[in-house]
């Protein structure tokens, strides 16, 4: 399925829409549909793999293009995980907006023991 490139300001919403469609798609139709069909263990393995690759790229000394590439992979696979669990990237943006303008120390202190 071919989709047009969204504007940067709508990227999360566009990804949410594509991921929702892929979640319901035939696993043979795309990498993402196949990943959804393999379930939580495979999705989590990809998130861990991409986090490790991000860590390694951050330690490189010859520029940051590879880091950006790996962070994009990590964000994408994190969004796959969110969609697998019935949440969206938009939910994460709403949480970030809720925290905006609040000291990280104050925000952390406001959490209950169970959520820390």
PDB file of N, CA and C in Angstrom:
ATOM      1  N   UNK A   1       0.853  -1.169   0.000  1.00  0.00           N
ATOM      2  CA  UNK A   1       0.000   0.000   0.000  1.00  0.00           C
ATOM      3  C   UNK A   1       0.895   1.227   0.000  1.00  0.00           C
ATOM      4  N   UNK A   2       0.759   2.064  -1.000  1.00  0.00           N
ATOM      5  CA  UNK A   2       1.561   3.279  -1.151  1.00  0.00           C
ATOM      6  C   UNK A   2       0.836   4.434  -0.465  1.00  0.00           C
ATOM      7  N   UNK A   3       1.560   5.195   0.341  1.00  0.00           N
ATOM      8  CA  UNK A   3       0.984   6.362   0.985  1.00  0.00           C
ATOM      9  C   UNK A   3       1.868   7.565   0.695  1.00  0.00           C
ATOM     10  N   UNK A   4       1.264   8.744   0.680  1.00  0.00           N
ATOM     11  CA  UNK A   4       2.054   9.949   0.436  1.00  0.00           C
ATOM     12  C   UNK A   4       2.740  10.373   1.732  1.00  0.00           C
ATOM     13  N   UNK A   5       3.831  11.124   1.578  1.00  0.00           N
ATOM     14  CA  UNK A   5       4.567  11.585   2.752  1.00  0.00           C
ATOM     15  C   UNK A   5       3.781  12.705   3.430  1.00  0.00           C
ATOM     16  N   UNK A   6       3.572  12.595   4.740  1.00  0.00           N
ATOM     17  CA  UNK A   6       2.849  13.648   5.462  1.00  0.00           C
ATOM     18  C   UNK A   6       3.763  14.825   5.786  1.00  0.00           C
ATOM     19  N   UNK A   7       3.161  15.942   6.100  1.00  0.00           N
ATOM     20  CA  UNK A   7       3.912  17.087   6.605  1.00  0.00           C
ATOM     21  C   UNK A   7       4.481  16.698   7.964  1.00  0.00           C
ATOM     22  N   UNK A   8       5.612  17.272   8.328  1.00  0.00           N
ATOM     23  CA  UNK A   8       6.233  16.928   9.605  1.00  0.00           C
ATOM     24  C   UNK A   8       5.308  17.165  10.785  1.00  0.00           C
ATOM     25  N   UNK A   9       4.511  18.220  10.750  1.00  0.00           N
ATOM     26  CA  UNK A   9       3.638  18.518  11.883  1.00  0.00           C
ATOM     27  C   UNK A   9       2.550  17.472  12.082  1.00  0.00           C
ATOM     28  N   UNK A  10       2.242  16.707  11.064  1.00  0.00           N
ATOM     29  CA  UNK A  10       1.217  15.674  11.186  1.00  0.00           C
ATOM     30  C   UNK A  10       1.778  14.265  11.158  1.00  0.00           C
ATOM     31  N   UNK A  11       3.079  14.133  11.323  1.00  0.00           N
ATOM     32  CA  UNK A  11       3.730  12.838  11.172  1.00  0.00           C
ATOM     33  C   UNK A  11       3.204  11.789  12.157  1.00  0.00           C
ATOM     34  N   UNK A  12       3.070  12.134  13.419  1.00  0.00           N
ATOM     35  CA  UNK A  12       2.614  11.148  14.407  1.00  0.00           C
ATOM     36  C   UNK A  12       1.203  10.676  14.061  1.00  0.00           C
ATOM     37  N   UNK A  13       0.314  11.612  13.741  1.00  0.00           N
ATOM     38  CA  UNK A  13      -1.053  11.234  13.372  1.00  0.00           C
ATOM     39  C   UNK A  13      -1.050  10.354  12.121  1.00  0.00           C
ATOM     40  N   UNK A  14      -0.237  10.712  11.141  1.00  0.00           N
ATOM     41  CA  UNK A  14      -0.155   9.908   9.916  1.00  0.00           C
ATOM     42  C   UNK A  14       0.359   8.505  10.214  1.00  0.00           C
ATOM     43  N   UNK A  15       1.395   8.414  11.058  1.00  0.00           N
ATOM     44  CA  UNK A  15       1.901   7.088  11.441  1.00  0.00           C
ATOM     45  C   UNK A  15       0.840   6.298  12.193  1.00  0.00           C
ATOM     46  N   UNK A  16       0.105   6.970  13.086  1.00  0.00           N
ATOM     47  CA  UNK A  16      -0.977   6.294  13.797  1.00  0.00           C
ATOM     48  C   UNK A  16      -1.983   5.690  12.815  1.00  0.00           C
ATOM     49  N   UNK A  17      -2.323   6.440  11.784  1.00  0.00           N
ATOM     50  CA  UNK A  17      -3.287   5.960  10.790  1.00  0.00           C
ATOM     51  C   UNK A  17      -2.729   4.764  10.018  1.00  0.00           C
ATOM     52  N   UNK A  18      -1.481   4.850   9.598  1.00  0.00           N
ATOM     53  CA  UNK A  18      -0.859   3.744   8.862  1.00  0.00           C
ATOM     54  C   UNK A  18      -0.753   2.509   9.749  1.00  0.00           C
ATOM     55  N   UNK A  19      -0.333   2.693  10.991  1.00  0.00           N
ATOM     56  CA  UNK A  19      -0.187   1.548  11.890  1.00  0.00           C
ATOM     57  C   UNK A  19      -1.530   0.888  12.184  1.00  0.00           C
ATOM     58  N   UNK A  20      -2.575   1.679  12.334  1.00  0.00           N
ATOM     59  CA  UNK A  20      -3.907   1.105  12.545  1.00  0.00           C
ATOM     60  C   UNK A  20      -4.307   0.247  11.348  1.00  0.00           C
ATOM     61  N   UNK A  21      -4.013   0.722  10.158  1.00  0.00           N
ATOM     62  CA  UNK A  21      -4.331  -0.053   8.955  1.00  0.00           C
ATOM     63  C   UNK A  21      -3.479  -1.313   8.872  1.00  0.00           C
ATOM     64  N   UNK A  22      -2.202  -1.203   9.185  1.00  0.00           N
ATOM     65  CA  UNK A  22      -1.300  -2.360   9.111  1.00  0.00           C
ATOM     66  C   UNK A  22      -1.658  -3.418  10.151  1.00  0.00           C
ATOM     67  N   UNK A  23      -2.143  -2.973  11.302  1.00  0.00           N
ATOM     68  CA  UNK A  23      -2.513  -3.913  12.365  1.00  0.00           C
ATOM     69  C   UNK A  23      -3.618  -4.864  11.886  1.00  0.00           C
ATOM     70  N   UNK A  24      -4.477  -4.362  11.028  1.00  0.00           N
ATOM     71  CA  UNK A  24      -5.593  -5.163  10.518  1.00  0.00           C
ATOM     72  C   UNK A  24      -5.285  -5.813   9.171  1.00  0.00           C
ATOM     73  N   UNK A  25      -4.094  -5.583   8.626  1.00  0.00           N
ATOM     74  CA  UNK A  25      -3.760  -6.047   7.274  1.00  0.00           C
ATOM     75  C   UNK A  25      -3.255  -7.488   7.268  1.00  0.00           C
ATOM     76  N   UNK A  26      -3.267  -8.070   6.097  1.00  0.00           N
ATOM     77  CA  UNK A  26      -2.714  -9.400   5.867  1.00  0.00           C
ATOM     78  C   UNK A  26      -1.213  -9.365   6.157  1.00  0.00           C
ATOM     79  N   UNK A  27      -0.714 -10.279   6.988  1.00  0.00           N
ATOM     80  CA  UNK A  27       0.716 -10.284   7.326  1.00  0.00           C
ATOM     81  C   UNK A  27       1.653 -10.375   6.119  1.00  0.00           C
ATOM     82  N   UNK A  28       1.175 -10.899   5.021  1.00  0.00           N
ATOM     83  CA  UNK A  28       2.033 -10.982   3.835  1.00  0.00           C
ATOM     84  C   UNK A  28       2.094  -9.661   3.068  1.00  0.00           C
ATOM     85  N   UNK A  29       1.303  -8.674   3.499  1.00  0.00           N
ATOM     86  CA  UNK A  29       1.224  -7.415   2.756  1.00  0.00           C
ATOM     87  C   UNK A  29       2.291  -6.395   3.142  1.00  0.00           C
ATOM     88  N   UNK A  30       2.886  -6.517   4.334  1.00  0.00           N
ATOM     89  CA  UNK A  30       3.902  -5.543   4.742  1.00  0.00           C
ATOM     90  C   UNK A  30       4.700  -6.076   5.930  1.00  0.00           C
ATOM     91  N   UNK A  31       5.884  -5.504   6.109  1.00  0.00           N
ATOM     92  CA  UNK A  31       6.727  -5.839   7.261  1.00  0.00           C
ATOM     93  C   UNK A  31       5.970  -5.587   8.560  1.00  0.00           C
ATOM     94  N   UNK A  32       5.298  -4.432   8.648  1.00  0.00           N
ATOM     95  CA  UNK A  32       4.618  -4.055   9.882  1.00  0.00           C
ATOM     96  C   UNK A  32       3.444  -4.976  10.182  1.00  0.00           C
ATOM     97  N   UNK A  33       2.669  -5.322   9.163  1.00  0.00           N
ATOM     98  CA  UNK A  33       1.561  -6.260   9.366  1.00  0.00           C
ATOM     99  C   UNK A  33       2.098  -7.605   9.857  1.00  0.00           C
ATOM    100  N   UNK A  34       3.212  -8.038   9.300  1.00  0.00           N
ATOM    101  CA  UNK A  34       3.837  -9.288   9.729  1.00  0.00           C
ATOM    102  C   UNK A  34       4.306  -9.192  11.180  1.00  0.00           C
ATOM    103  N   UNK A  35       4.888  -8.053  11.538  1.00  0.00           N
ATOM    104  CA  UNK A  35       5.348  -7.849  12.911  1.00  0.00           C
ATOM    105  C   UNK A  35       4.163  -7.900  13.873  1.00  0.00           C
ATOM    106  N   UNK A  36       3.076  -7.219  13.551  1.00  0.00           N
ATOM    107  CA  UNK A  36       1.872  -7.282  14.386  1.00  0.00           C
ATOM    108  C   UNK A  36       1.400  -8.727  14.548  1.00  0.00           C
ATOM    109  N   UNK A  37       1.431  -9.495  13.472  1.00  0.00           N
ATOM    110  CA  UNK A  37       0.921 -10.868  13.525  1.00  0.00           C
ATOM    111  C   UNK A  37       1.770 -11.775  14.417  1.00  0.00           C
ATOM    112  N   UNK A  38       3.037 -11.408  14.601  1.00  0.00           N
ATOM    113  CA  UNK A  38       3.927 -12.222  15.441  1.00  0.00           C
ATOM    114  C   UNK A  38       3.744 -11.931  16.924  1.00  0.00           C
ATOM    115  N   UNK A  39       3.088 -10.839  17.250  1.00  0.00           N
ATOM    116  CA  UNK A  39       2.717 -10.564  18.620  1.00  0.00           C
ATOM    117  C   UNK A  39       3.764  -9.864  19.471  1.00  0.00           C
ATOM    118  N   UNK A  40       3.414  -9.740  20.740  1.00  0.00           N
ATOM    119  CA  UNK A  40       4.202  -8.964  21.688  1.00  0.00           C
ATOM    120  C   UNK A  40       5.659  -9.402  21.810  1.00  0.00           C
ATOM    121  N   UNK A  41       5.963 -10.694  21.907  1.00  0.00           N
ATOM    122  CA  UNK A  41       7.386 -11.055  22.056  1.00  0.00           C
ATOM    123  C   UNK A  41       8.263 -10.537  20.912  1.00  0.00           C
ATOM    124  N   UNK A  42       7.803 -10.639  19.686  1.00  0.00           N
ATOM    125  CA  UNK A  42       8.586 -10.170  18.543  1.00  0.00           C
ATOM    126  C   UNK A  42       8.672  -8.645  18.516  1.00  0.00           C
ATOM    127  N   UNK A  43       7.566  -7.988  18.843  1.00  0.00           N
ATOM    128  CA  UNK A  43       7.566  -6.523  18.867  1.00  0.00           C
ATOM    129  C   UNK A  43       8.531  -6.024  19.935  1.00  0.00           C
ATOM    130  N   UNK A  44       8.486  -6.616  21.112  1.00  0.00           N
ATOM    131  CA  UNK A  44       9.400  -6.213  22.184  1.00  0.00           C
ATOM    132  C   UNK A  44      10.856  -6.486  21.804  1.00  0.00           C
ATOM    133  N   UNK A  45      11.103  -7.603  21.137  1.00  0.00           N
ATOM    134  CA  UNK A  45      12.467  -7.910  20.697  1.00  0.00           C
ATOM    135  C   UNK A  45      12.976  -6.833  19.748  1.00  0.00           C
ATOM    136  N   UNK A  46      12.104  -6.337  18.863  1.00  0.00           N
ATOM    137  CA  UNK A  46      12.510  -5.276  17.933  1.00  0.00           C
ATOM    138  C   UNK A  46      12.771  -3.968  18.681  1.00  0.00           C
ATOM    139  N   UNK A  47      11.965  -3.643  19.682  1.00  0.00           N
ATOM    140  CA  UNK A  47      12.193  -2.422  20.456  1.00  0.00           C
ATOM    141  C   UNK A  47      13.545  -2.513  21.159  1.00  0.00           C
ATOM    142  N   UNK A  48      13.836  -3.649  21.763  1.00  0.00           N
ATOM    143  CA  UNK A  48      15.122  -3.837  22.445  1.00  0.00           C
ATOM    144  C   UNK A  48      16.272  -3.758  21.443  1.00  0.00           C
ATOM    145  N   UNK A  49      16.119  -4.402  20.299  1.00  0.00           N
ATOM    146  CA  UNK A  49      17.152  -4.359  19.257  1.00  0.00           C
ATOM    147  C   UNK A  49      17.419  -2.924  18.814  1.00  0.00           C
ATOM    148  N   UNK A  50      16.361  -2.176  18.569  1.00  0.00           N
ATOM    149  CA  UNK A  50      16.522  -0.797  18.100  1.00  0.00           C
ATOM    150  C   UNK A  50      17.091   0.097  19.197  1.00  0.00           C
ATOM    151  N   UNK A  51      16.729  -0.152  20.450  1.00  0.00           N
ATOM    152  CA  UNK A  51      17.309   0.619  21.556  1.00  0.00           C
ATOM    153  C   UNK A  51      18.810   0.358  21.644  1.00  0.00           C
ATOM    154  N   UNK A  52      19.212  -0.882  21.464  1.00  0.00           N
ATOM    155  CA  UNK A  52      20.631  -1.225  21.488  1.00  0.00           C
ATOM    156  C   UNK A  52      21.382  -0.557  20.333  1.00  0.00           C
ATOM    157  N   UNK A  53      20.785  -0.568  19.162  1.00  0.00           N
ATOM    158  CA  UNK A  53      21.418   0.065  18.008  1.00  0.00           C
ATOM    159  C   UNK A  53      21.493   1.588  18.186  1.00  0.00           C
ATOM    160  N   UNK A  54      20.504   2.168  18.845  1.00  0.00           N
ATOM    161  CA  UNK A  54      20.537   3.595  19.154  1.00  0.00           C
ATOM    162  C   UNK A  54      21.682   3.891  20.120  1.00  0.00           C
ATOM    163  N   UNK A  55      21.822   3.071  21.123  1.00  0.00           N
ATOM    164  CA  UNK A  55      22.902   3.209  22.103  1.00  0.00           C
ATOM    165  C   UNK A  55      24.263   3.173  21.402  1.00  0.00           C
ATOM    166  N   UNK A  56      24.428   2.196  20.525  1.00  0.00           N
ATOM    167  CA  UNK A  56      25.702   2.066  19.801  1.00  0.00           C
ATOM    168  C   UNK A  56      25.954   3.283  18.900  1.00  0.00           C
ATOM    169  N   UNK A  57      24.926   3.738  18.197  1.00  0.00           N
ATOM    170  CA  UNK A  57      25.078   4.884  17.301  1.00  0.00           C
ATOM    171  C   UNK A  57      25.417   6.151  18.079  1.00  0.00           C
ATOM    172  N   UNK A  58      24.915   6.264  19.281  1.00  0.00           N
ATOM    173  CA  UNK A  58      25.195   7.453  20.099  1.00  0.00           C
ATOM    174  C   UNK A  58      26.663   7.538  20.494  1.00  0.00           C
ATOM    175  N   UNK A  59      27.337   6.408  20.503  1.00  0.00           N
ATOM    176  CA  UNK A  59      28.747   6.384  20.877  1.00  0.00           C
ATOM    177  C   UNK A  59      29.694   6.587  19.696  1.00  0.00           C
ATOM    178  N   UNK A  60      29.152   6.674  18.501  1.00  0.00           N
ATOM    179  CA  UNK A  60      29.999   6.901  17.331  1.00  0.00           C
ATOM    180  C   UNK A  60      30.524   8.333  17.359  1.00  0.00           C
ATOM    181  N   UNK A  61      31.713   8.517  16.835  1.00  0.00           N
ATOM    182  CA  UNK A  61      32.330   9.845  16.863  1.00  0.00           C
ATOM    183  C   UNK A  61      32.352  10.533  15.502  1.00  0.00           C
ATOM    184  N   UNK A  62      31.817   9.880  14.479  1.00  0.00           N
ATOM    185  CA  UNK A  62      31.890  10.441  13.128  1.00  0.00           C
ATOM    186  C   UNK A  62      30.539  10.975  12.643  1.00  0.00           C
ATOM    187  N   UNK A  63      29.938  11.870  13.395  1.00  0.00           N
ATOM    188  CA  UNK A  63      28.679  12.474  12.989  1.00  0.00           C
ATOM    189  C   UNK A  63      27.494  11.858  13.700  1.00  0.00           C
ATOM    190  N   UNK A  64      26.311  12.378  13.370  1.00  0.00           N
ATOM    191  CA  UNK A  64      25.093  11.946  14.064  1.00  0.00           C
ATOM    192  C   UNK A  64      23.997  11.445  13.127  1.00  0.00           C
ATOM    193  N   UNK A  65      24.279  11.336  11.842  1.00  0.00           N
ATOM    194  CA  UNK A  65      23.257  10.846  10.910  1.00  0.00           C
ATOM    195  C   UNK A  65      22.806   9.428  11.266  1.00  0.00           C
ATOM    196  N   UNK A  66      23.743   8.573  11.624  1.00  0.00           N
ATOM    197  CA  UNK A  66      23.386   7.196  11.983  1.00  0.00           C
ATOM    198  C   UNK A  66      22.521   7.191  13.245  1.00  0.00           C
ATOM    199  N   UNK A  67      22.819   8.067  14.190  1.00  0.00           N
ATOM    200  CA  UNK A  67      22.007   8.166  15.413  1.00  0.00           C
ATOM    201  C   UNK A  67      20.566   8.531  15.071  1.00  0.00           C
ATOM    202  N   UNK A  68      20.386   9.514  14.206  1.00  0.00           N
ATOM    203  CA  UNK A  68      19.037   9.924  13.808  1.00  0.00           C
ATOM    204  C   UNK A  68      18.308   8.749  13.153  1.00  0.00           C
ATOM    205  N   UNK A  69      18.989   8.022  12.289  1.00  0.00           N
ATOM    206  CA  UNK A  69      18.415   6.853  11.621  1.00  0.00           C
ATOM    207  C   UNK A  69      17.944   5.824  12.656  1.00  0.00           C
ATOM    208  N   UNK A  70      18.788   5.537  13.634  1.00  0.00           N
ATOM    209  CA  UNK A  70      18.443   4.518  14.638  1.00  0.00           C
ATOM    210  C   UNK A  70      17.337   4.994  15.569  1.00  0.00           C
ATOM    211  N   UNK A  71      17.333   6.271  15.923  1.00  0.00           N
ATOM    212  CA  UNK A  71      16.245   6.795  16.756  1.00  0.00           C
ATOM    213  C   UNK A  71      14.921   6.703  15.994  1.00  0.00           C
ATOM    214  N   UNK A  72      14.947   6.963  14.693  1.00  0.00           N
ATOM    215  CA  UNK A  72      13.726   6.814  13.890  1.00  0.00           C
ATOM    216  C   UNK A  72      13.223   5.379  13.947  1.00  0.00           C
ATOM    217  N   UNK A  73      14.130   4.408  13.841  1.00  0.00           N
ATOM    218  CA  UNK A  73      13.738   3.000  13.961  1.00  0.00           C
ATOM    219  C   UNK A  73      13.158   2.707  15.341  1.00  0.00           C
ATOM    220  N   UNK A  74      13.787   3.249  16.378  1.00  0.00           N
ATOM    221  CA  UNK A  74      13.311   3.024  17.743  1.00  0.00           C
ATOM    222  C   UNK A  74      11.930   3.633  17.947  1.00  0.00           C
ATOM    223  N   UNK A  75      11.746   4.861  17.488  1.00  0.00           N
ATOM    224  CA  UNK A  75      10.432   5.495  17.609  1.00  0.00           C
ATOM    225  C   UNK A  75       9.377   4.694  16.861  1.00  0.00           C
ATOM    226  N   UNK A  76       9.693   4.273  15.647  1.00  0.00           N
ATOM    227  CA  UNK A  76       8.725   3.512  14.850  1.00  0.00           C
ATOM    228  C   UNK A  76       8.316   2.234  15.575  1.00  0.00           C
ATOM    229  N   UNK A  77       9.301   1.477  16.031  1.00  0.00           N
ATOM    230  CA  UNK A  77       8.971   0.209  16.687  1.00  0.00           C
ATOM    231  C   UNK A  77       8.281   0.423  18.034  1.00  0.00           C
ATOM    232  N   UNK A  78       8.577   1.535  18.695  1.00  0.00           N
ATOM    233  CA  UNK A  78       7.852   1.887  19.918  1.00  0.00           C
ATOM    234  C   UNK A  78       6.391   2.191  19.599  1.00  0.00           C
ATOM    235  N   UNK A  79       6.155   2.824  18.463  1.00  0.00           N
ATOM    236  CA  UNK A  79       4.776   3.099  18.054  1.00  0.00           C
ATOM    237  C   UNK A  79       4.047   1.813  17.678  1.00  0.00           C
ATOM    238  N   UNK A  80       4.748   0.868  17.068  1.00  0.00           N
ATOM    239  CA  UNK A  80       4.142  -0.440  16.799  1.00  0.00           C
ATOM    240  C   UNK A  80       3.711  -1.064  18.130  1.00  0.00           C
ATOM    241  N   UNK A  81       4.577  -1.000  19.127  1.00  0.00           N
ATOM    242  CA  UNK A  81       4.252  -1.528  20.453  1.00  0.00           C
ATOM    243  C   UNK A  81       3.023  -0.834  21.032  1.00  0.00           C
ATOM    244  N   UNK A  82       2.987   0.493  20.959  1.00  0.00           N
ATOM    245  CA  UNK A  82       1.820   1.218  21.453  1.00  0.00           C
ATOM    246  C   UNK A  82       0.543   0.732  20.779  1.00  0.00           C
ATOM    247  N   UNK A  83       0.569   0.623  19.460  1.00  0.00           N
ATOM    248  CA  UNK A  83      -0.625   0.180  18.730  1.00  0.00           C
ATOM    249  C   UNK A  83      -0.996  -1.257  19.085  1.00  0.00           C
ATOM    250  N   UNK A  84      -0.006  -2.091  19.282  1.00  0.00           N
ATOM    251  CA  UNK A  84      -0.288  -3.479  19.690  1.00  0.00           C
ATOM    252  C   UNK A  84      -1.046  -3.499  21.021  1.00  0.00           C
ATOM    253  N   UNK A  85      -0.716  -2.553  21.894  1.00  0.00           N
ATOM    254  CA  UNK A  85      -1.341  -2.487  23.217  1.00  0.00           C
ATOM    255  C   UNK A  85      -2.576  -1.582  23.236  1.00  0.00           C
ATOM    256  N   UNK A  86      -3.018  -1.135  22.042  1.00  0.00           N
ATOM    257  CA  UNK A  86      -4.244  -0.348  21.958  1.00  0.00           C
ATOM    258  C   UNK A  86      -4.071   1.140  22.225  1.00  0.00           C
ATOM    259  N   UNK A  87      -2.849   1.625  22.164  1.00  0.00           N
ATOM    260  CA  UNK A  87      -2.581   3.041  22.367  1.00  0.00           C
ATOM    261  C   UNK A  87      -1.970   3.612  21.091  1.00  0.00           C
ATOM    262  N   UNK A  88      -1.677   4.916  21.084  1.00  0.00           N
ATOM    263  CA  UNK A  88      -1.171   5.561  19.876  1.00  0.00           C
ATOM    264  C   UNK A  88      -0.042   6.542  20.202  1.00  0.00           C
ATOM    265  N   UNK A  89       0.625   6.969  19.162  1.00  0.00           N
ATOM    266  CA  UNK A  89       1.620   8.019  19.315  1.00  0.00           C
ATOM    267  C   UNK A  89       0.978   9.315  19.773  1.00  0.00           C
ATOM    268  N   UNK A  90      -0.251   9.548  19.345  1.00  0.00           N
ATOM    269  CA  UNK A  90      -0.980  10.728  19.780  1.00  0.00           C
ATOM    270  C   UNK A  90      -1.194  10.707  21.293  1.00  0.00           C
ATOM    271  N   UNK A  91      -1.392   9.517  21.857  1.00  0.00           N
ATOM    272  CA  UNK A  91      -1.509   9.404  23.316  1.00  0.00           C
ATOM    273  C   UNK A  91      -0.220   9.864  23.999  1.00  0.00           C
ATOM    274  N   UNK A  92       0.919   9.519  23.414  1.00  0.00           N
ATOM    275  CA  UNK A  92       2.203   9.921  23.976  1.00  0.00           C
ATOM    276  C   UNK A  92       2.369  11.434  23.863  1.00  0.00           C
ATOM    277  N   UNK A  93       1.984  12.007  22.718  1.00  0.00           N
ATOM    278  CA  UNK A  93       2.061  13.462  22.572  1.00  0.00           C
ATOM    279  C   UNK A  93       1.177  14.160  23.602  1.00  0.00           C
ATOM    280  N   UNK A  94       0.002  13.603  23.875  1.00  0.00           N
ATOM    281  CA  UNK A  94      -0.885  14.190  24.884  1.00  0.00           C
ATOM    282  C   UNK A  94      -0.241  14.133  26.266  1.00  0.00           C
ATOM    283  N   UNK A  95       0.444  13.049  26.573  1.00  0.00           N
ATOM    284  CA  UNK A  95       1.135  12.939  27.855  1.00  0.00           C
ATOM    285  C   UNK A  95       2.281  13.945  27.940  1.00  0.00           C
ATOM    286  N   UNK A  96       3.031  14.096  26.851  1.00  0.00           N
ATOM    287  CA  UNK A  96       4.105  15.092  26.837  1.00  0.00           C
ATOM    288  C   UNK A  96       3.541  16.503  26.996  1.00  0.00           C
ATOM    289  N   UNK A  97       2.409  16.780  26.346  1.00  0.00           N
ATOM    290  CA  UNK A  97       1.770  18.089  26.480  1.00  0.00           C
ATOM    291  C   UNK A  97       1.326  18.325  27.916  1.00  0.00           C
ATOM    292  N   UNK A  98       0.813  17.278  28.567  1.00  0.00           N
ATOM    293  CA  UNK A  98       0.387  17.399  29.962  1.00  0.00           C
ATOM    294  C   UNK A  98       1.566  17.792  30.840  1.00  0.00           C
ATOM    295  N   UNK A  99       2.729  17.244  30.539  1.00  0.00           N
ATOM    296  CA  UNK A  99       3.928  17.506  31.341  1.00  0.00           C
ATOM    297  C   UNK A  99       4.620  18.820  30.987  1.00  0.00           C
ATOM    298  N   UNK A 100       4.311  19.371  29.838  1.00  0.00           N
ATOM    299  CA  UNK A 100       5.016  20.551  29.344  1.00  0.00           C
ATOM    300  C   UNK A 100       4.909  21.701  30.337  1.00  0.00           C
ATOM    301  N   UNK A 101       6.036  22.325  30.620  1.00  0.00           N
ATOM    302  CA  UNK A 101       6.060  23.449  31.547  1.00  0.00           C
ATOM    303  C   UNK A 101       6.141  23.033  33.002  1.00  0.00           C
ATOM    304  N   UNK A 102       6.198  21.734  33.256  1.00  0.00           N
ATOM    305  CA  UNK A 102       6.319  21.218  34.612  1.00  0.00           C
ATOM    306  C   UNK A 102       7.744  20.738  34.809  1.00  0.00           C
ATOM    307  N   UNK A 103       8.315  21.080  35.917  1.00  0.00           N
ATOM    308  CA  UNK A 103       9.661  20.600  36.240  1.00  0.00           C
ATOM    309  C   UNK A 103       9.666  19.079  36.242  1.00  0.00           C
ATOM    310  N   UNK A 104      10.698  18.481  35.650  1.00  0.00           N
ATOM    311  CA  UNK A 104      10.824  17.026  35.670  1.00  0.00           C
ATOM    312  C   UNK A 104      10.855  16.477  37.080  1.00  0.00           C
ATOM    313  N   UNK A 105      11.471  17.214  37.988  1.00  0.00           N
ATOM    314  CA  UNK A 105      11.518  16.785  39.390  1.00  0.00           C
ATOM    315  C   UNK A 105      10.120  16.813  39.985  1.00  0.00           C
ATOM    316  N   UNK A 106       9.374  17.900  39.742  1.00  0.00           N
ATOM    317  CA  UNK A 106       8.009  17.991  40.261  1.00  0.00           C
ATOM    318  C   UNK A 106       7.119  16.919  39.656  1.00  0.00           C
ATOM    319  N   UNK A 107       7.257  16.694  38.343  1.00  0.00           N
ATOM    320  CA  UNK A 107       6.432  15.677  37.684  1.00  0.00           C
ATOM    321  C   UNK A 107       6.701  14.307  38.279  1.00  0.00           C
ATOM    322  N   UNK A 108       7.959  13.967  38.447  1.00  0.00           N
ATOM    323  CA  UNK A 108       8.301  12.654  39.012  1.00  0.00           C
ATOM    324  C   UNK A 108       7.792  12.527  40.439  1.00  0.00           C
ATOM    325  N   UNK A 109       7.914  13.577  41.234  1.00  0.00           N
ATOM    326  CA  UNK A 109       7.433  13.531  42.619  1.00  0.00           C
ATOM    327  C   UNK A 109       5.925  13.415  42.706  1.00  0.00           C
ATOM    328  N   UNK A 110       5.195  13.829  41.659  1.00  0.00           N
ATOM    329  CA  UNK A 110       3.733  13.763  41.675  1.00  0.00           C
ATOM    330  C   UNK A 110       3.202  12.365  41.368  1.00  0.00           C
ATOM    331  N   UNK A 111       4.064  11.495  40.866  1.00  0.00           N
ATOM    332  CA  UNK A 111       3.622  10.137  40.521  1.00  0.00           C
ATOM    333  C   UNK A 111       3.419   9.318  41.781  1.00  0.00           C
ATOM    334  N   UNK A 112       2.500   8.350  41.686  1.00  0.00           N
ATOM    335  CA  UNK A 112       2.313   7.432  42.807  1.00  0.00           C
ATOM    336  C   UNK A 112       3.460   6.427  42.797  1.00  0.00           C
ATOM    337  N   UNK A 113       3.672   5.770  43.905  1.00  0.00           N
ATOM    338  CA  UNK A 113       4.743   4.773  44.005  1.00  0.00           C
ATOM    339  C   UNK A 113       4.583   3.695  42.932  1.00  0.00           C
ATOM    340  N   UNK A 114       3.346   3.258  42.629  1.00  0.00           N
ATOM    341  CA  UNK A 114       3.112   2.189  41.665  1.00  0.00           C
ATOM    342  C   UNK A 114       3.519   2.573  40.263  1.00  0.00           C
ATOM    343  N   UNK A 115       3.424   3.866  39.901  1.00  0.00           N
ATOM    344  CA  UNK A 115       3.728   4.289  38.532  1.00  0.00           C
ATOM    345  C   UNK A 115       5.188   4.629  38.336  1.00  0.00           C
ATOM    346  N   UNK A 116       5.995   4.580  39.391  1.00  0.00           N
ATOM    347  CA  UNK A 116       7.420   4.925  39.262  1.00  0.00           C
ATOM    348  C   UNK A 116       8.249   3.752  38.906  1.00  0.00           C
TER     349      UNK A 116
END
